[in-house]
Amino acid sequence: MFFVEFSKRMRHFETGVFSALAQRKQEKLAKGEAVVDFSIGSPNIPPAQHIIDALAEGVKDRSKYEYAITDSSELRRAVCVWYRRRYGVELDAETEVVSLLGSQDGLAHLSLAVVDPGDLVLVPDPGYPIFGDGPLLAGAELYRMPQEEKNGWIIDLKAVPEQIARRARFMIVSYPNNPVTSIAPPSFYRELVDFAKTYEIIVLHDNAYSELAFDGAKCGSFLQTAGAKDVGIEFNSLSKTYGLAGARIGFALGNREVISALKALKSNLDYGMFLPIQKAAAAALTGPQDCVEQTRAAYEQRRNVLVEGLNAIGWNIKKPAATMFVWAKIPLPYTDSVVFVKELFQKTGVLVTPGSAFGPSGEGYVRMALVRSEEEMREAIRAIEQSGILKNS
């Protein structure tokens, strides 16, 4: 039999956790059983009408089907206007902004642009899987920076060993954070800039959830911090803020040397964002912004329904401060998050993501995405209560 040998880098990758969970879901649905899926953070709040209209108009324009090659000046200006209005951050449209085909695309490709095989990269733990997968694809080694509840789920940069910091070439941080839902104070970003300058580390701050902060909290940008552009860049995304997840619209912004390298790499890997999608993105960024508040309020209400409902039946969970997720400690007597997820799904049809999927420090927790209707959430709560799975907690 012919044997196919794959690259050594594939040893780092198994079937993605979300694909495995989706398979379990399909098996249950095939049996006619009910499923409430909180596992994948795929936003189900659609874009505002003016954004859809801009996309539709672009799609009807027969001249918009050529390769984009680069970002339109309209799109780059729109991003700069949004950053100025929202964060008070000034950006140069020519040198400090580049679009991404979603942040996931950028997170994978940025590592190829800034690290070599054997370089050390600092990543959060727990952290979104692509934070580690991108550097691993580039042949880097990982050092996982713990995010611990005792520190408010904020990385303690002082705890990074000096010999590790001196080896590090690149680091990734993200607040508001997926999966742990924490918000970092401005003092953290000041410390981050000092840390990066001291050890000459390139910083990537992923800022996908700044518009989904609850209870009156406000989140800013890493680029607001003095010296941030000297050491790194920020990613931002229209997926959650404007309901455009499937359109794959993100941006890298900040340090012009890093942006230039990423542009050069992308020019050899893709032909840019589909021009009608660029039109929709510009419409989202420059058009009416009431849809952003409506989306934030919807996720906050869903958070309240789910967390308050689960607390009422004996699963004690803190309300998340931000994002579209709930980060919950698994109930006793469970100690293994994968075992709990499997039993929860088997007994209730409620599908969540094991915390261990986000790194070693995620063990003992699960993540729930607020992507179901309030009625579906209430159905899930009833199913969990009736299953008896919480009786020993």
Protein backbone atom coordinates (compact mmCIF):
# COMPACT_ATOMS: atom_id res chain seq x y z
CA MET A 1 0.00 0.00 0.00
CA PHE A 2 1.25 3.46 -0.88
CA PHE A 3 2.21 5.38 2.28
CA VAL A 4 1.80 9.15 2.45
CA GLU A 5 4.11 10.92 4.86
CA PHE A 6 3.01 14.38 5.88
CA SER A 7 5.08 17.27 7.17
CA LYS A 8 6.40 17.19 10.70
CA ARG A 9 4.41 20.32 11.54
CA MET A 10 1.18 18.33 11.16
CA ARG A 11 2.12 16.43 14.29
CA HIS A 12 0.98 19.50 16.20
CA PHE A 13 -2.51 19.32 14.74
CA GLU A 14 -5.33 16.92 15.24
CA THR A 15 -8.93 17.33 14.14
CA GLY A 16 -10.01 20.68 15.54
CA VAL A 17 -12.05 20.55 18.70
CA PHE A 18 -14.92 22.39 17.03
CA SER A 19 -15.03 19.86 14.19
CA ALA A 20 -15.10 17.00 16.67
CA LEU A 21 -17.95 18.61 18.60
CA ALA A 22 -19.84 19.24 15.36
CA GLN A 23 -19.58 15.54 14.53
CA ARG A 24 -21.13 14.62 17.88
CA LYS A 25 -23.90 17.10 17.20
CA GLN A 26 -24.69 15.59 13.79
CA GLU A 27 -24.83 12.10 15.25
CA LYS A 28 -27.40 13.19 17.83
CA LEU A 29 -29.47 15.15 15.32
CA ALA A 30 -29.51 12.14 12.98
CA LYS A 31 -31.29 10.24 15.75
CA GLY A 32 -33.95 12.93 15.96
CA GLU A 33 -32.74 14.16 19.36
CA ALA A 34 -32.74 17.82 20.39
CA VAL A 35 -29.46 19.75 20.55
CA VAL A 36 -28.67 23.20 21.91
CA ASP A 37 -25.22 24.12 20.64
CA PHE A 38 -23.17 26.60 22.69
CA SER A 39 -19.84 25.25 21.43
CA ILE A 40 -18.89 27.46 18.48
CA GLY A 41 -18.88 31.25 18.72
CA SER A 42 -20.51 31.83 15.35
CA PRO A 43 -22.54 35.06 15.67
CA ASN A 44 -26.21 34.68 14.76
CA ILE A 45 -27.12 38.38 14.87
CA PRO A 46 -27.23 39.52 11.21
CA PRO A 47 -25.70 42.74 9.86
CA ALA A 48 -27.71 45.95 9.82
CA GLN A 49 -29.69 46.63 6.66
CA HIS A 50 -27.40 49.40 5.40
CA ILE A 51 -24.47 46.97 5.48
CA ILE A 52 -26.42 44.29 3.60
CA ASP A 53 -27.52 46.90 1.06
CA ALA A 54 -23.93 47.97 0.42
CA LEU A 55 -22.89 44.36 -0.09
CA ALA A 56 -25.81 43.68 -2.43
CA GLU A 57 -25.05 46.76 -4.50
CA GLY A 58 -21.42 45.71 -4.79
CA VAL A 59 -22.34 42.19 -5.86
CA LYS A 60 -24.56 43.61 -8.63
CA ASP A 61 -21.68 45.68 -10.01
CA ARG A 62 -20.13 43.58 -12.77
CA SER A 63 -16.84 45.48 -12.49
CA LYS A 64 -16.23 44.25 -8.94
CA TYR A 65 -15.29 40.66 -9.80
CA GLU A 66 -11.65 41.28 -10.66
CA TYR A 67 -8.84 40.61 -8.19
CA ALA A 68 -8.77 43.26 -5.50
CA ILE A 69 -4.96 42.94 -5.11
CA THR A 70 -4.89 45.68 -2.46
CA ASP A 71 -7.28 47.39 -0.09
CA SER A 72 -9.32 50.20 -1.58
CA SER A 73 -8.54 53.71 -0.39
CA GLU A 74 -12.19 53.94 0.72
CA LEU A 75 -11.76 50.97 3.04
CA ARG A 76 -8.46 52.15 4.51
CA ARG A 77 -9.86 55.60 5.18
CA ALA A 78 -12.96 54.08 6.80
CA VAL A 79 -10.80 52.06 9.19
CA CYS A 80 -8.82 55.16 10.14
CA VAL A 81 -12.01 57.16 10.71
CA TRP A 82 -13.43 54.38 12.93
CA TYR A 83 -10.24 54.12 15.02
CA ARG A 84 -10.12 57.89 15.46
CA ARG A 85 -13.77 58.10 16.46
CA ARG A 86 -13.84 55.03 18.67
CA TYR A 87 -10.44 55.06 20.34
CA GLY A 88 -8.88 58.43 19.57
CA VAL A 89 -6.08 56.62 17.74
CA GLU A 90 -4.55 58.20 14.63
CA LEU A 91 -3.44 55.80 11.89
CA ASP A 92 -1.73 56.37 8.57
CA ALA A 93 -3.98 54.79 5.93
CA GLU A 94 -1.07 53.96 3.63
CA THR A 95 1.41 52.39 6.02
CA GLU A 96 -0.36 51.36 9.25
CA VAL A 97 -3.43 49.47 8.02
CA VAL A 98 -3.93 46.23 6.09
CA SER A 99 -7.04 44.10 5.75
CA LEU A 100 -7.21 40.44 6.74
CA LEU A 101 -9.50 37.72 5.46
CA GLY A 102 -10.69 37.43 9.03
CA SER A 103 -8.47 37.63 12.11
CA GLN A 104 -7.87 33.87 11.93
CA ASP A 105 -6.15 34.39 8.56
CA GLY A 106 -4.00 37.12 10.03
CA LEU A 107 -3.12 35.18 13.16
CA ALA A 108 -1.90 32.28 11.05
CA HIS A 109 0.08 34.39 8.58
CA LEU A 110 1.60 36.95 10.91
CA SER A 111 3.79 34.31 12.54
CA LEU A 112 5.21 33.41 9.12
CA ALA A 113 6.19 37.05 8.71
CA VAL A 114 7.83 37.65 12.09
CA VAL A 115 9.31 34.40 13.43
CA ASP A 116 11.68 31.71 12.20
CA PRO A 117 11.76 28.01 13.14
CA GLY A 118 13.03 27.64 16.67
CA ASP A 119 12.03 31.14 17.79
CA LEU A 120 10.08 31.41 21.04
CA VAL A 121 6.57 32.87 21.10
CA LEU A 122 4.60 33.83 24.21
CA VAL A 123 0.89 32.96 24.10
CA PRO A 124 -1.92 33.21 26.67
CA ASP A 125 -3.16 30.11 28.49
CA PRO A 126 -6.08 29.58 28.28
CA GLY A 127 -6.12 31.12 24.82
CA TYR A 128 -7.89 30.88 21.51
CA PRO A 129 -6.32 27.89 19.67
CA ILE A 130 -5.03 29.84 16.63
CA PHE A 131 -2.86 31.93 18.98
CA GLY A 132 -0.65 28.88 19.35
CA ASP A 133 -1.37 27.20 16.04
CA GLY A 134 -0.07 30.11 13.95
CA PRO A 135 3.36 30.12 15.60
CA LEU A 136 3.51 26.32 15.46
CA LEU A 137 2.89 26.45 11.70
CA ALA A 138 5.90 28.76 11.48
CA GLY A 139 8.04 26.26 13.40
CA ALA A 140 8.17 28.28 16.61
CA GLU A 141 8.26 27.05 20.19
CA LEU A 142 5.54 28.15 22.60
CA TYR A 143 5.71 29.44 26.14
CA ARG A 144 2.24 29.57 27.66
CA MET A 145 1.58 32.55 29.93
CA PRO A 146 -1.04 31.52 32.50
CA GLN A 147 -4.22 33.55 32.89
CA GLU A 148 -5.38 32.70 36.39
CA GLU A 149 -8.56 33.48 38.26
CA LYS A 150 -6.57 34.77 41.26
CA ASN A 151 -5.18 37.51 38.97
CA GLY A 152 -8.55 38.38 37.49
CA TRP A 153 -7.67 36.26 34.45
CA ILE A 154 -5.00 38.80 33.43
CA ILE A 155 -1.50 37.66 32.43
CA ASP A 156 1.11 38.38 35.10
CA LEU A 157 4.02 39.59 32.96
CA LYS A 158 6.30 39.69 36.00
CA ALA A 159 5.87 35.92 36.30
CA VAL A 160 7.45 35.28 32.89
CA PRO A 161 10.97 34.00 33.64
CA GLU A 162 13.67 36.40 32.48
CA GLN A 163 15.46 33.73 30.44
CA ILE A 164 12.19 33.05 28.62
CA ALA A 165 11.51 36.74 28.01
CA ARG A 166 15.00 37.24 26.59
CA ARG A 167 14.49 34.37 24.14
CA ALA A 168 11.03 35.48 23.04
CA ARG A 169 10.65 37.01 19.60
CA PHE A 170 6.89 37.51 19.48
CA MET A 171 3.95 37.53 21.90
CA ILE A 172 0.17 37.42 21.56
CA VAL A 173 -2.29 38.89 24.04
CA SER A 174 -6.02 39.52 23.77
CA TYR A 175 -8.46 41.50 25.91
CA PRO A 176 -11.42 41.31 26.23
CA ASN A 177 -10.37 37.70 26.26
CA ASN A 178 -11.74 34.60 24.58
CA PRO A 179 -12.31 32.27 26.38
CA VAL A 180 -11.96 33.70 29.91
CA THR A 181 -13.96 36.92 29.17
CA SER A 182 -11.70 39.24 31.21
CA ILE A 183 -11.03 42.93 30.51
CA ALA A 184 -7.51 44.29 31.02
CA PRO A 185 -7.03 47.70 32.70
CA PRO A 186 -4.96 50.45 31.02
CA SER A 187 -2.15 49.74 33.48
CA PHE A 188 -1.70 46.29 31.94
CA TYR A 189 -1.07 47.78 28.49
CA ARG A 190 1.49 50.21 29.90
CA GLU A 191 3.25 47.29 31.53
CA LEU A 192 3.00 45.33 28.28
CA VAL A 193 4.68 48.08 26.25
CA ASP A 194 7.49 48.37 28.83
CA PHE A 195 7.92 44.58 28.86
CA ALA A 196 8.10 44.42 25.06
CA LYS A 197 10.62 47.26 24.86
CA THR A 198 12.80 45.78 27.57
CA TYR A 199 13.03 42.39 25.88
CA GLU A 200 12.61 43.54 22.25
CA ILE A 201 9.49 41.48 21.63
CA ILE A 202 6.94 42.12 18.87
CA VAL A 203 3.42 42.34 20.32
CA LEU A 204 0.14 41.35 18.72
CA HIS A 205 -2.98 42.44 20.59
CA ASP A 206 -6.18 40.80 19.33
CA ASN A 207 -9.05 43.21 20.00
CA ALA A 208 -12.03 41.38 18.49
CA TYR A 209 -14.42 41.99 21.41
CA SER A 210 -13.96 45.62 22.46
CA GLU A 211 -17.57 46.46 21.53
CA LEU A 212 -19.03 43.60 23.58
CA ALA A 213 -18.42 44.89 27.11
CA PHE A 214 -21.25 44.71 29.62
CA ASP A 215 -22.66 46.51 32.65
CA GLY A 216 -21.46 49.88 31.41
CA ALA A 217 -17.82 48.85 31.02
CA LYS A 218 -15.80 50.42 28.20
CA CYS A 219 -12.88 48.78 26.44
CA GLY A 220 -10.17 50.56 24.53
CA SER A 221 -7.34 49.74 22.16
CA PHE A 222 -3.78 48.63 22.81
CA LEU A 223 -2.77 51.35 20.35
CA GLN A 224 -4.02 54.03 22.75
CA THR A 225 -1.05 53.25 25.00
CA ALA A 226 2.02 55.45 24.60
CA GLY A 227 4.70 53.55 22.70
CA ALA A 228 2.38 50.76 21.51
CA LYS A 229 3.13 51.37 17.84
CA ASP A 230 6.83 51.10 18.62
CA VAL A 231 6.46 47.47 19.67
CA GLY A 232 3.50 45.98 17.89
CA ILE A 233 0.15 45.88 16.18
CA GLU A 234 -3.48 45.24 16.91
CA PHE A 235 -5.99 43.03 15.13
CA ASN A 236 -9.62 44.08 14.96
CA SER A 237 -12.57 42.36 13.38
CA LEU A 238 -16.04 43.11 12.05
CA SER A 239 -17.25 39.57 12.75
CA LYS A 240 -18.87 40.12 16.13
CA THR A 241 -19.33 43.88 16.14
CA TYR A 242 -21.27 44.01 12.88
CA GLY A 243 -22.44 40.40 12.41
CA LEU A 244 -20.10 39.80 9.45
CA ALA A 245 -18.36 36.62 10.60
CA GLY A 246 -18.93 34.71 7.36
CA ALA A 247 -17.69 37.61 5.23
CA ARG A 248 -14.23 37.29 6.85
CA ILE A 249 -13.31 40.92 7.51
CA GLY A 250 -10.47 41.86 9.83
CA PHE A 251 -7.64 44.37 10.03
CA ALA A 252 -4.08 44.61 11.28
CA LEU A 253 -3.10 48.07 12.47
CA GLY A 254 -0.09 49.75 14.03
CA ASN A 255 3.66 49.33 13.66
CA ARG A 256 4.46 50.10 10.03
CA GLU A 257 7.39 47.67 9.77
CA VAL A 258 5.23 44.76 10.92
CA ILE A 259 2.35 45.87 8.69
CA SER A 260 4.73 46.14 5.71
CA ALA A 261 6.01 42.60 6.29
CA LEU A 262 2.47 41.25 6.58
CA LYS A 263 1.44 43.05 3.39
CA ALA A 264 4.41 41.57 1.54
CA LEU A 265 3.57 38.06 2.71
CA LYS A 266 -0.12 38.41 1.87
CA SER A 267 0.71 39.71 -1.62
CA ASN A 268 2.16 36.26 -2.30
CA LEU A 269 -0.66 34.30 -0.67
CA ASP A 270 -3.94 35.93 -1.68
CA TYR A 271 -5.36 38.53 -4.02
CA GLY A 272 -7.10 40.65 -1.43
CA MET A 273 -10.62 40.93 -0.09
CA PHE A 274 -13.55 40.60 -2.54
CA LEU A 275 -14.37 44.17 -3.59
CA PRO A 276 -18.11 44.04 -2.69
CA ILE A 277 -17.10 42.89 0.80
CA GLN A 278 -14.75 45.87 1.03
CA LYS A 279 -17.74 48.10 0.22
CA ALA A 280 -19.81 46.44 2.96
CA ALA A 281 -16.96 46.84 5.45
CA ALA A 282 -16.64 50.55 4.68
CA ALA A 283 -20.41 50.94 5.05
CA ALA A 284 -20.29 49.23 8.45
CA LEU A 285 -17.46 51.43 9.72
CA THR A 286 -18.79 54.77 8.45
CA GLY A 287 -22.55 54.24 8.57
CA PRO A 288 -25.02 54.44 11.48
CA GLN A 289 -23.58 52.86 14.62
CA ASP A 290 -26.77 52.16 16.57
CA CYS A 291 -26.54 48.54 15.38
CA VAL A 292 -23.39 48.13 17.48
CA GLU A 293 -25.22 49.05 20.68
CA GLN A 294 -28.14 46.82 19.74
CA THR A 295 -25.79 43.89 19.26
CA ARG A 296 -24.02 44.56 22.55
CA ALA A 297 -27.33 44.79 24.40
CA ALA A 298 -28.55 41.54 22.84
CA TYR A 299 -25.48 39.63 24.02
CA GLU A 300 -25.74 41.16 27.49
CA GLN A 301 -29.36 40.04 27.76
CA ARG A 302 -28.47 36.54 26.59
CA ARG A 303 -25.69 36.45 29.17
CA ASN A 304 -28.17 37.36 31.89
CA VAL A 305 -30.68 34.72 30.83
CA LEU A 306 -28.12 31.94 30.67
CA VAL A 307 -26.04 32.72 33.74
CA GLU A 308 -28.94 33.64 36.00
CA GLY A 309 -30.82 30.54 34.86
CA LEU A 310 -27.91 28.21 35.52
CA ASN A 311 -27.25 29.78 38.90
CA ALA A 312 -30.90 29.23 39.80
CA ILE A 313 -30.57 25.47 39.24
CA GLY A 314 -27.31 25.13 41.17
CA TRP A 315 -24.49 25.71 38.68
CA ASN A 316 -22.72 28.69 40.20
CA ILE A 317 -21.22 30.84 37.45
CA LYS A 318 -19.95 34.42 37.45
CA LYS A 319 -21.33 36.77 34.83
CA PRO A 320 -18.72 37.56 32.17
CA ALA A 321 -17.60 41.16 31.92
CA ALA A 322 -17.34 41.05 28.12
CA THR A 323 -17.24 38.98 24.90
CA MET A 324 -19.93 36.65 23.59
CA PHE A 325 -18.93 33.78 25.88
CA VAL A 326 -19.45 32.41 29.37
CA TRP A 327 -16.46 30.82 31.13
CA ALA A 328 -17.67 28.40 33.77
CA LYS A 329 -16.01 26.12 36.28
CA ILE A 330 -17.29 22.57 35.84
CA PRO A 331 -19.50 21.39 38.70
CA LEU A 332 -18.32 18.88 41.28
CA PRO A 333 -17.62 16.00 41.36
CA TYR A 334 -16.27 16.45 37.83
CA THR A 335 -12.57 17.24 37.46
CA ASP A 336 -12.06 16.54 33.75
CA SER A 337 -13.63 19.04 31.36
CA VAL A 338 -13.80 16.61 28.42
CA VAL A 339 -15.55 13.98 30.53
CA PHE A 340 -18.03 16.58 31.76
CA VAL A 341 -18.74 17.88 28.24
CA LYS A 342 -19.40 14.36 26.96
CA GLU A 343 -21.75 13.48 29.83
CA LEU A 344 -23.54 16.82 29.65
CA PHE A 345 -24.19 16.34 25.93
CA GLN A 346 -25.23 12.72 26.34
CA LYS A 347 -27.71 13.51 29.13
CA THR A 348 -29.05 16.87 27.97
CA GLY A 349 -28.23 17.54 24.32
CA VAL A 350 -26.46 20.72 25.46
CA LEU A 351 -23.11 21.12 23.70
CA VAL A 352 -20.32 23.24 25.22
CA THR A 353 -16.55 23.39 24.68
CA PRO A 354 -14.12 21.84 27.19
CA GLY A 355 -11.74 24.36 28.71
CA SER A 356 -8.80 22.08 27.98
CA ALA A 357 -9.29 22.86 24.28
CA PHE A 358 -7.87 26.30 25.04
CA GLY A 359 -4.71 25.12 26.76
CA PRO A 360 -3.61 23.36 29.96
CA SER A 361 -4.81 26.19 32.22
CA GLY A 362 -8.32 25.77 30.81
CA GLU A 363 -8.77 22.40 32.46
CA GLY A 364 -11.63 22.39 34.94
CA TYR A 365 -13.72 24.88 32.94
CA VAL A 366 -16.04 24.99 29.95
CA ARG A 367 -16.85 27.76 27.50
CA MET A 368 -20.39 28.54 26.34
CA ALA A 369 -21.06 30.80 23.34
CA LEU A 370 -24.02 33.18 23.57
CA VAL A 371 -25.22 32.32 20.07
CA ARG A 372 -28.62 30.83 20.81
CA SER A 373 -31.95 32.55 21.31
CA GLU A 374 -33.22 33.25 24.81
CA GLU A 375 -35.84 30.53 24.43
CA GLU A 376 -33.21 27.99 23.39
CA MET A 377 -31.18 28.98 26.43
CA ARG A 378 -34.16 28.38 28.68
CA GLU A 379 -34.67 24.98 27.04
CA ALA A 380 -31.05 24.14 27.75
CA ILE A 381 -31.40 25.18 31.39
CA ARG A 382 -34.50 23.01 31.79
CA ALA A 383 -32.73 20.03 30.20
CA ILE A 384 -29.73 20.42 32.52
CA GLU A 385 -31.96 20.69 35.59
CA GLN A 386 -34.03 17.65 34.60
CA SER A 387 -30.96 15.54 33.85
CA GLY A 388 -29.78 15.58 37.45
CA ILE A 389 -26.18 16.20 36.39
CA LEU A 390 -25.84 18.99 38.96
CA LYS A 391 -27.21 17.06 41.93
CA ASN A 392 -23.80 16.26 43.39
CA SER A 393 -22.36 19.72 42.88
